[in-house]
Amino acid sequence: MTLYLRKTTGEVHDGTKRIGHRCDRCAGTGQFVTMVLNGKPTGPGGICFRCEGKGYQTPEDEKRNEAYDELSAARACAGDLR
């Protein structure tokens, strides 16, 4: 399957419908970014945990990430940092 990225909006399409949007955490590379050097994402790598290495997030990924973010915020507010 060929995927298309609409650069103006960051949306990812398969030709007929929207599948998701470019992952902001890894800048669409699919690799974990630890720093940006001269405007280019770099780092030791590893699979991006937000998009699971795809480079874009599907609605299911967004839902999972939102739940993880809410849990982390709740733990931080409760002082239960583990």
C-alpha atoms as a PDB file:
ATOM      1  CA  MET A   1       0.000   0.000   0.000  1.00  0.00           C
ATOM      2  CA  THR A   2       1.344   3.426  -0.945  1.00  0.00           C
ATOM      3  CA  LEU A   3       0.860   6.211   1.575  1.00  0.00           C
ATOM      4  CA  TYR A   4       0.825   9.909   0.781  1.00  0.00           C
ATOM      5  CA  LEU A   5       1.746  12.724   3.160  1.00  0.00           C
ATOM      6  CA  ARG A   6       0.012  16.063   2.701  1.00  0.00           C
ATOM      7  CA  LYS A   7       2.813  18.369   3.848  1.00  0.00           C
ATOM      8  CA  THR A   8       0.600  21.409   4.479  1.00  0.00           C
ATOM      9  CA  THR A   9      -1.592  19.615   7.028  1.00  0.00           C
ATOM     10  CA  GLY A  10       0.552  16.626   8.035  1.00  0.00           C
ATOM     11  CA  GLU A  11      -2.256  14.221   7.125  1.00  0.00           C
ATOM     12  CA  VAL A  12      -1.431  10.741   5.816  1.00  0.00           C
ATOM     13  CA  HIS A  13      -3.677   9.280   3.083  1.00  0.00           C
ATOM     14  CA  ASP A  14      -3.731   5.938   1.307  1.00  0.00           C
ATOM     15  CA  GLY A  15      -5.036   7.516  -1.895  1.00  0.00           C
ATOM     16  CA  THR A  16      -8.713   7.551  -1.003  1.00  0.00           C
ATOM     17  CA  LYS A  17      -9.071   8.261   2.709  1.00  0.00           C
ATOM     18  CA  ARG A  18      -7.236   9.808   5.654  1.00  0.00           C
ATOM     19  CA  ILE A  19      -5.420   7.227   7.781  1.00  0.00           C
ATOM     20  CA  GLY A  20      -3.775   9.494  10.341  1.00  0.00           C
ATOM     21  CA  HIS A  21      -1.309  12.336  10.728  1.00  0.00           C
ATOM     22  CA  ARG A  22       2.465  12.676  10.827  1.00  0.00           C
ATOM     23  CA  CYS A  23       3.863  11.855  14.250  1.00  0.00           C
ATOM     24  CA  ASP A  24       5.013  15.015  15.988  1.00  0.00           C
ATOM     25  CA  ARG A  25       7.186  13.171  18.492  1.00  0.00           C
ATOM     26  CA  CYS A  26       9.507  11.597  15.905  1.00  0.00           C
ATOM     27  CA  ALA A  27       8.916  14.126  13.085  1.00  0.00           C
ATOM     28  CA  GLY A  28       7.650  11.320  10.856  1.00  0.00           C
ATOM     29  CA  THR A  29      10.869   9.303  10.983  1.00  0.00           C
ATOM     30  CA  GLY A  30       9.548   6.428  13.098  1.00  0.00           C
ATOM     31  CA  GLN A  31      12.686   6.664  15.256  1.00  0.00           C
ATOM     32  CA  PHE A  32      12.863   8.105  18.766  1.00  0.00           C
ATOM     33  CA  VAL A  33      14.315  11.619  18.591  1.00  0.00           C
ATOM     34  CA  THR A  34      16.606  12.767  21.394  1.00  0.00           C
ATOM     35  CA  MET A  35      17.676  16.095  19.870  1.00  0.00           C
ATOM     36  CA  VAL A  36      17.408  18.336  16.834  1.00  0.00           C
ATOM     37  CA  LEU A  37      20.667  19.322  15.146  1.00  0.00           C
ATOM     38  CA  ASN A  38      20.545  22.085  12.521  1.00  0.00           C
ATOM     39  CA  GLY A  39      16.796  21.597  12.171  1.00  0.00           C
ATOM     40  CA  LYS A  40      17.114  17.853  11.535  1.00  0.00           C
ATOM     41  CA  PRO A  41      15.859  15.298  14.106  1.00  0.00           C
ATOM     42  CA  THR A  42      18.671  13.041  15.350  1.00  0.00           C
ATOM     43  CA  GLY A  43      19.373  10.691  18.183  1.00  0.00           C
ATOM     44  CA  PRO A  44      20.468   7.220  19.099  1.00  0.00           C
ATOM     45  CA  GLY A  45      17.270   5.858  17.601  1.00  0.00           C
ATOM     46  CA  GLY A  46      14.969   3.121  18.649  1.00  0.00           C
ATOM     47  CA  ILE A  47      11.336   2.792  17.679  1.00  0.00           C
ATOM     48  CA  CYS A  48       9.129   5.796  18.469  1.00  0.00           C
ATOM     49  CA  PHE A  49       6.675   4.761  21.172  1.00  0.00           C
ATOM     50  CA  ARG A  50       4.001   7.276  20.060  1.00  0.00           C
ATOM     51  CA  CYS A  51       3.552   5.936  16.515  1.00  0.00           C
ATOM     52  CA  GLU A  52       5.130   2.484  17.013  1.00  0.00           C
ATOM     53  CA  GLY A  53       7.705   3.158  14.290  1.00  0.00           C
ATOM     54  CA  LYS A  54       5.243   3.940  11.471  1.00  0.00           C
ATOM     55  CA  GLY A  55       6.029   7.670  11.267  1.00  0.00           C
ATOM     56  CA  TYR A  56       2.355   8.575  11.503  1.00  0.00           C
ATOM     57  CA  GLN A  57      -0.324   8.163  14.156  1.00  0.00           C
ATOM     58  CA  THR A  58      -3.639   6.470  13.441  1.00  0.00           C
ATOM     59  CA  PRO A  59      -6.772   7.344  15.435  1.00  0.00           C
ATOM     60  CA  GLU A  60      -6.112   4.210  17.535  1.00  0.00           C
ATOM     61  CA  ASP A  61      -2.578   5.444  18.319  1.00  0.00           C
ATOM     62  CA  GLU A  62      -3.946   8.866  19.291  1.00  0.00           C
ATOM     63  CA  LYS A  63      -6.472   7.260  21.649  1.00  0.00           C
ATOM     64  CA  ARG A  64      -3.790   5.067  23.286  1.00  0.00           C
ATOM     65  CA  ASN A  65      -1.392   8.000  23.677  1.00  0.00           C
ATOM     66  CA  GLU A  66      -4.115  10.195  25.179  1.00  0.00           C
ATOM     67  CA  ALA A  67      -4.847   7.509  27.797  1.00  0.00           C
ATOM     68  CA  TYR A  68      -1.123   7.204  28.659  1.00  0.00           C
ATOM     69  CA  ASP A  69      -0.820  10.996  28.907  1.00  0.00           C
ATOM     70  CA  GLU A  70      -3.838  11.242  31.204  1.00  0.00           C
ATOM     71  CA  LEU A  71      -2.466   8.482  33.442  1.00  0.00           C
ATOM     72  CA  SER A  72       0.931  10.209  33.666  1.00  0.00           C
ATOM     73  CA  ALA A  73      -0.722  13.529  34.531  1.00  0.00           C
ATOM     74  CA  ALA A  74      -2.876  11.876  37.195  1.00  0.00           C
ATOM     75  CA  ARG A  75       0.163  10.200  38.769  1.00  0.00           C
ATOM     76  CA  ALA A  76       2.110  13.475  38.751  1.00  0.00           C
ATOM     77  CA  CYS A  77      -0.780  15.316  40.407  1.00  0.00           C
ATOM     78  CA  ALA A  78      -1.103  12.591  43.034  1.00  0.00           C
ATOM     79  CA  GLY A  79       2.626  12.698  43.739  1.00  0.00           C
ATOM     80  CA  ASP A  80       2.888   9.034  42.807  1.00  0.00           C
ATOM     81  CA  LEU A  81       5.874   9.335  40.472  1.00  0.00           C
ATOM     82  CA  ARG A  82       7.251   5.919  39.620  1.00  0.00           C
END
